[in-house]
């Protein structure tokens, strides 16, 4: 019985520490390739994950932005046009 409780506690702790991905539709208002940050027309700033190629990111681009909100800000992991 003790093992079952330990497993439940670990699962709950893991789930609580995992940020759920969210998606927002929008248009890029500005982009700073050096800082890997972009601002959408909604005024929210996002940071690009290293896996996102900056060559495909530019002001005026519209799309669906998949991101996770965390302690260091909103991390974009995927951009779909």
C-alpha atoms as a PDB file:
ATOM      1  CA  UNK A   1       0.000   0.000   0.000  1.00  0.00           C
ATOM      2  CA  UNK A   2       2.885   2.397   0.721  1.00  0.00           C
ATOM      3  CA  UNK A   3       4.255   1.915  -2.788  1.00  0.00           C
ATOM      4  CA  UNK A   4       0.883   2.834  -4.324  1.00  0.00           C
ATOM      5  CA  UNK A   5       0.755   6.089  -2.377  1.00  0.00           C
ATOM      6  CA  UNK A   6       4.309   6.940  -3.385  1.00  0.00           C
ATOM      7  CA  UNK A   7       3.486   6.399  -7.049  1.00  0.00           C
ATOM      8  CA  UNK A   8       0.365   8.579  -6.793  1.00  0.00           C
ATOM      9  CA  UNK A   9       2.357  11.350  -5.109  1.00  0.00           C
ATOM     10  CA  UNK A  10       5.039  11.226  -7.816  1.00  0.00           C
ATOM     11  CA  UNK A  11       2.468  11.351 -10.608  1.00  0.00           C
ATOM     12  CA  UNK A  12       0.700  14.334  -9.023  1.00  0.00           C
ATOM     13  CA  UNK A  13       3.989  16.192  -8.522  1.00  0.00           C
ATOM     14  CA  UNK A  14       5.060  15.510 -12.103  1.00  0.00           C
ATOM     15  CA  UNK A  15       1.743  16.671 -13.531  1.00  0.00           C
ATOM     16  CA  UNK A  16       1.719  19.817 -11.392  1.00  0.00           C
ATOM     17  CA  UNK A  17       5.198  20.755 -12.629  1.00  0.00           C
ATOM     18  CA  UNK A  18       4.408  20.262 -16.304  1.00  0.00           C
ATOM     19  CA  UNK A  19       3.166  23.316 -18.161  1.00  0.00           C
ATOM     20  CA  UNK A  20       0.346  22.629 -20.560  1.00  0.00           C
ATOM     21  CA  UNK A  21       0.846  23.873 -24.104  1.00  0.00           C
ATOM     22  CA  UNK A  22      -1.574  26.522 -25.301  1.00  0.00           C
ATOM     23  CA  UNK A  23      -2.247  27.961 -28.748  1.00  0.00           C
ATOM     24  CA  UNK A  24      -2.953  31.530 -29.778  1.00  0.00           C
ATOM     25  CA  UNK A  25      -3.786  32.829 -33.244  1.00  0.00           C
ATOM     26  CA  UNK A  26      -2.208  36.121 -34.145  1.00  0.00           C
ATOM     27  CA  UNK A  27       0.121  38.286 -36.163  1.00  0.00           C
ATOM     28  CA  UNK A  28       3.696  39.176 -35.286  1.00  0.00           C
ATOM     29  CA  UNK A  29       3.978  42.896 -34.583  1.00  0.00           C
ATOM     30  CA  UNK A  30       7.740  42.881 -33.986  1.00  0.00           C
ATOM     31  CA  UNK A  31      10.584  40.364 -33.854  1.00  0.00           C
ATOM     32  CA  UNK A  32      14.072  40.573 -32.300  1.00  0.00           C
ATOM     33  CA  UNK A  33      16.220  37.762 -33.731  1.00  0.00           C
ATOM     34  CA  UNK A  34      19.110  38.432 -31.321  1.00  0.00           C
ATOM     35  CA  UNK A  35      16.919  37.961 -28.254  1.00  0.00           C
ATOM     36  CA  UNK A  36      14.640  35.432 -30.033  1.00  0.00           C
ATOM     37  CA  UNK A  37      11.590  37.378 -28.849  1.00  0.00           C
ATOM     38  CA  UNK A  38       8.467  38.372 -30.701  1.00  0.00           C
ATOM     39  CA  UNK A  39       5.486  40.517 -29.842  1.00  0.00           C
ATOM     40  CA  UNK A  40       2.091  39.702 -31.281  1.00  0.00           C
ATOM     41  CA  UNK A  41      -0.454  42.381 -32.158  1.00  0.00           C
ATOM     42  CA  UNK A  42      -2.245  41.442 -28.903  1.00  0.00           C
ATOM     43  CA  UNK A  43       0.738  43.029 -27.082  1.00  0.00           C
ATOM     44  CA  UNK A  44       2.021  39.813 -25.502  1.00  0.00           C
ATOM     45  CA  UNK A  45       5.752  39.016 -25.738  1.00  0.00           C
ATOM     46  CA  UNK A  46       6.922  35.471 -26.488  1.00  0.00           C
ATOM     47  CA  UNK A  47      10.354  33.809 -26.535  1.00  0.00           C
ATOM     48  CA  UNK A  48      11.198  31.334 -29.296  1.00  0.00           C
ATOM     49  CA  UNK A  49      12.297  27.848 -28.351  1.00  0.00           C
ATOM     50  CA  UNK A  50      15.742  27.009 -29.811  1.00  0.00           C
ATOM     51  CA  UNK A  51      14.038  24.395 -32.042  1.00  0.00           C
ATOM     52  CA  UNK A  52      12.044  27.113 -33.882  1.00  0.00           C
ATOM     53  CA  UNK A  53      13.951  28.342 -36.939  1.00  0.00           C
ATOM     54  CA  UNK A  54      14.210  32.141 -36.840  1.00  0.00           C
ATOM     55  CA  UNK A  55      14.591  32.285 -40.631  1.00  0.00           C
ATOM     56  CA  UNK A  56      10.826  31.692 -40.890  1.00  0.00           C
ATOM     57  CA  UNK A  57       9.871  34.405 -38.379  1.00  0.00           C
ATOM     58  CA  UNK A  58       9.176  38.003 -39.434  1.00  0.00           C
ATOM     59  CA  UNK A  59       6.944  40.969 -38.568  1.00  0.00           C
ATOM     60  CA  UNK A  60       3.575  40.635 -40.251  1.00  0.00           C
ATOM     61  CA  UNK A  61       3.555  36.830 -40.209  1.00  0.00           C
ATOM     62  CA  UNK A  62       0.178  35.391 -39.216  1.00  0.00           C
ATOM     63  CA  UNK A  63      -0.329  31.980 -37.708  1.00  0.00           C
ATOM     64  CA  UNK A  64      -1.081  29.704 -34.784  1.00  0.00           C
ATOM     65  CA  UNK A  65       1.551  29.964 -32.060  1.00  0.00           C
ATOM     66  CA  UNK A  66       1.910  27.008 -29.690  1.00  0.00           C
ATOM     67  CA  UNK A  67       3.490  28.056 -26.403  1.00  0.00           C
ATOM     68  CA  UNK A  68       3.930  27.137 -22.765  1.00  0.00           C
ATOM     69  CA  UNK A  69       3.686  29.756 -20.038  1.00  0.00           C
ATOM     70  CA  UNK A  70       6.459  29.440 -17.487  1.00  0.00           C
ATOM     71  CA  UNK A  71       8.515  31.327 -14.953  1.00  0.00           C
ATOM     72  CA  UNK A  72      10.686  32.839 -17.701  1.00  0.00           C
ATOM     73  CA  UNK A  73       7.789  33.877 -19.926  1.00  0.00           C
ATOM     74  CA  UNK A  74       5.825  32.436 -22.823  1.00  0.00           C
ATOM     75  CA  UNK A  75       7.962  29.937 -24.758  1.00  0.00           C
ATOM     76  CA  UNK A  76       6.848  29.373 -28.376  1.00  0.00           C
ATOM     77  CA  UNK A  77       7.567  25.815 -29.452  1.00  0.00           C
ATOM     78  CA  UNK A  78       5.744  25.771 -32.796  1.00  0.00           C
ATOM     79  CA  UNK A  79       4.382  28.179 -35.397  1.00  0.00           C
ATOM     80  CA  UNK A  80       1.765  27.011 -37.904  1.00  0.00           C
ATOM     81  CA  UNK A  81       0.668  29.221 -40.773  1.00  0.00           C
END
